[in-house]
């Protein structure tokens, strides 16, 4: 699960038994954070490689295949080209 909002606090409010006091946490300010504007492009070579691997794993990449032996079979019996980095 991915949180909808992350709020940085200098310290967590604690109860006398050293547990997080949820009632003392500040209310989230939903309008304060700018929403991401759709899909973001990779910012560096590592992100670009990870994005390519993710697209390949989901079957959405037009990556080149080396040979027919190096293709992967999906659960539906379809084949994908091998990932060339």
C-alpha atoms as a PDB file:
ATOM      1  CA  UNK A   1       0.000   0.000   0.000  1.00  0.00           C
ATOM      2  CA  UNK A   2       1.178   3.487  -0.796  1.00  0.00           C
ATOM      3  CA  UNK A   3       0.207   6.363   1.490  1.00  0.00           C
ATOM      4  CA  UNK A   4      -1.793   9.169  -0.097  1.00  0.00           C
ATOM      5  CA  UNK A   5       0.106  11.808   1.846  1.00  0.00           C
ATOM      6  CA  UNK A   6       3.360  11.909   3.810  1.00  0.00           C
ATOM      7  CA  UNK A   7       3.761  14.557   6.501  1.00  0.00           C
ATOM      8  CA  UNK A   8       7.189  15.236   7.988  1.00  0.00           C
ATOM      9  CA  UNK A   9       7.166  15.917  11.726  1.00  0.00           C
ATOM     10  CA  UNK A  10      10.097  16.955  13.912  1.00  0.00           C
ATOM     11  CA  UNK A  11       9.083  14.280  16.447  1.00  0.00           C
ATOM     12  CA  UNK A  12       6.178  11.903  16.972  1.00  0.00           C
ATOM     13  CA  UNK A  13       3.850  12.670  19.866  1.00  0.00           C
ATOM     14  CA  UNK A  14       4.085   9.865  22.409  1.00  0.00           C
ATOM     15  CA  UNK A  15       1.824   8.578  25.159  1.00  0.00           C
ATOM     16  CA  UNK A  16       3.179   8.022  28.694  1.00  0.00           C
ATOM     17  CA  UNK A  17       3.837   4.391  27.692  1.00  0.00           C
ATOM     18  CA  UNK A  18       6.024   5.530  24.741  1.00  0.00           C
ATOM     19  CA  UNK A  19       3.519   4.598  22.029  1.00  0.00           C
ATOM     20  CA  UNK A  20       2.534   6.965  19.215  1.00  0.00           C
ATOM     21  CA  UNK A  21      -0.310   9.209  20.362  1.00  0.00           C
ATOM     22  CA  UNK A  22      -2.511   9.128  17.242  1.00  0.00           C
ATOM     23  CA  UNK A  23      -4.960  11.625  18.716  1.00  0.00           C
ATOM     24  CA  UNK A  24      -2.170  14.206  19.035  1.00  0.00           C
ATOM     25  CA  UNK A  25      -1.028  13.882  15.404  1.00  0.00           C
ATOM     26  CA  UNK A  26      -1.792  16.929  13.239  1.00  0.00           C
ATOM     27  CA  UNK A  27      -4.583  16.624  10.687  1.00  0.00           C
ATOM     28  CA  UNK A  28      -3.315  16.177   7.136  1.00  0.00           C
ATOM     29  CA  UNK A  29      -3.575  19.220   4.882  1.00  0.00           C
ATOM     30  CA  UNK A  30      -4.641  17.668   1.599  1.00  0.00           C
ATOM     31  CA  UNK A  31      -4.511  20.826  -0.507  1.00  0.00           C
ATOM     32  CA  UNK A  32      -1.049  21.894   0.630  1.00  0.00           C
ATOM     33  CA  UNK A  33       0.922  19.360  -1.443  1.00  0.00           C
ATOM     34  CA  UNK A  34       1.053  19.698  -5.240  1.00  0.00           C
ATOM     35  CA  UNK A  35      -0.373  16.628  -6.934  1.00  0.00           C
ATOM     36  CA  UNK A  36       1.893  14.808  -9.355  1.00  0.00           C
ATOM     37  CA  UNK A  37       1.094  15.796 -12.936  1.00  0.00           C
ATOM     38  CA  UNK A  38       0.555  12.435 -14.590  1.00  0.00           C
ATOM     39  CA  UNK A  39       3.438  10.248 -15.623  1.00  0.00           C
ATOM     40  CA  UNK A  40       6.917  11.554 -14.872  1.00  0.00           C
ATOM     41  CA  UNK A  41       9.848  10.798 -17.131  1.00  0.00           C
ATOM     42  CA  UNK A  42      12.959   9.139 -15.641  1.00  0.00           C
ATOM     43  CA  UNK A  43      15.341  11.681 -14.141  1.00  0.00           C
ATOM     44  CA  UNK A  44      18.589   9.687 -14.443  1.00  0.00           C
ATOM     45  CA  UNK A  45      19.990   6.515 -16.084  1.00  0.00           C
ATOM     46  CA  UNK A  46      19.087   4.305 -13.107  1.00  0.00           C
ATOM     47  CA  UNK A  47      15.444   5.409 -13.215  1.00  0.00           C
ATOM     48  CA  UNK A  48      15.406   4.917 -16.999  1.00  0.00           C
ATOM     49  CA  UNK A  49      16.689   1.341 -16.615  1.00  0.00           C
ATOM     50  CA  UNK A  50      14.175   0.557 -13.869  1.00  0.00           C
ATOM     51  CA  UNK A  51      11.344   2.001 -15.983  1.00  0.00           C
ATOM     52  CA  UNK A  52      12.416  -0.146 -18.931  1.00  0.00           C
ATOM     53  CA  UNK A  53      12.507  -3.278 -16.744  1.00  0.00           C
ATOM     54  CA  UNK A  54       9.080  -2.470 -15.315  1.00  0.00           C
ATOM     55  CA  UNK A  55       7.555  -1.898 -18.780  1.00  0.00           C
ATOM     56  CA  UNK A  56       9.126  -5.131 -20.037  1.00  0.00           C
ATOM     57  CA  UNK A  57       7.809  -7.103 -17.042  1.00  0.00           C
ATOM     58  CA  UNK A  58       4.307  -5.754 -17.724  1.00  0.00           C
ATOM     59  CA  UNK A  59       4.600  -6.614 -21.417  1.00  0.00           C
ATOM     60  CA  UNK A  60       4.436  -3.016 -22.660  1.00  0.00           C
ATOM     61  CA  UNK A  61       7.965  -2.546 -23.930  1.00  0.00           C
ATOM     62  CA  UNK A  62       9.029  -2.648 -27.557  1.00  0.00           C
ATOM     63  CA  UNK A  63      12.439  -3.921 -26.478  1.00  0.00           C
ATOM     64  CA  UNK A  64      14.414  -5.792 -29.109  1.00  0.00           C
ATOM     65  CA  UNK A  65      14.638  -9.558 -28.893  1.00  0.00           C
ATOM     66  CA  UNK A  66      17.968 -11.263 -29.461  1.00  0.00           C
ATOM     67  CA  UNK A  67      16.661 -14.615 -30.679  1.00  0.00           C
ATOM     68  CA  UNK A  68      13.452 -16.575 -30.399  1.00  0.00           C
ATOM     69  CA  UNK A  69      15.117 -18.746 -27.730  1.00  0.00           C
ATOM     70  CA  UNK A  70      15.578 -15.760 -25.436  1.00  0.00           C
ATOM     71  CA  UNK A  71      11.924 -14.767 -25.264  1.00  0.00           C
ATOM     72  CA  UNK A  72       9.872 -15.102 -22.098  1.00  0.00           C
ATOM     73  CA  UNK A  73       6.481 -16.793 -21.912  1.00  0.00           C
ATOM     74  CA  UNK A  74       3.695 -15.117 -19.978  1.00  0.00           C
ATOM     75  CA  UNK A  75       1.046 -16.940 -17.984  1.00  0.00           C
ATOM     76  CA  UNK A  76      -1.340 -16.622 -20.962  1.00  0.00           C
ATOM     77  CA  UNK A  77       1.054 -18.464 -23.278  1.00  0.00           C
ATOM     78  CA  UNK A  78       2.156 -15.314 -25.111  1.00  0.00           C
ATOM     79  CA  UNK A  79       5.824 -14.545 -25.603  1.00  0.00           C
ATOM     80  CA  UNK A  80       7.684 -11.323 -24.892  1.00  0.00           C
ATOM     81  CA  UNK A  81      11.034 -10.303 -26.331  1.00  0.00           C
ATOM     82  CA  UNK A  82      14.041 -10.633 -24.069  1.00  0.00           C
ATOM     83  CA  UNK A  83      15.078  -7.452 -22.306  1.00  0.00           C
ATOM     84  CA  UNK A  84      18.182  -5.859 -23.753  1.00  0.00           C
ATOM     85  CA  UNK A  85      19.756  -3.251 -21.475  1.00  0.00           C
END
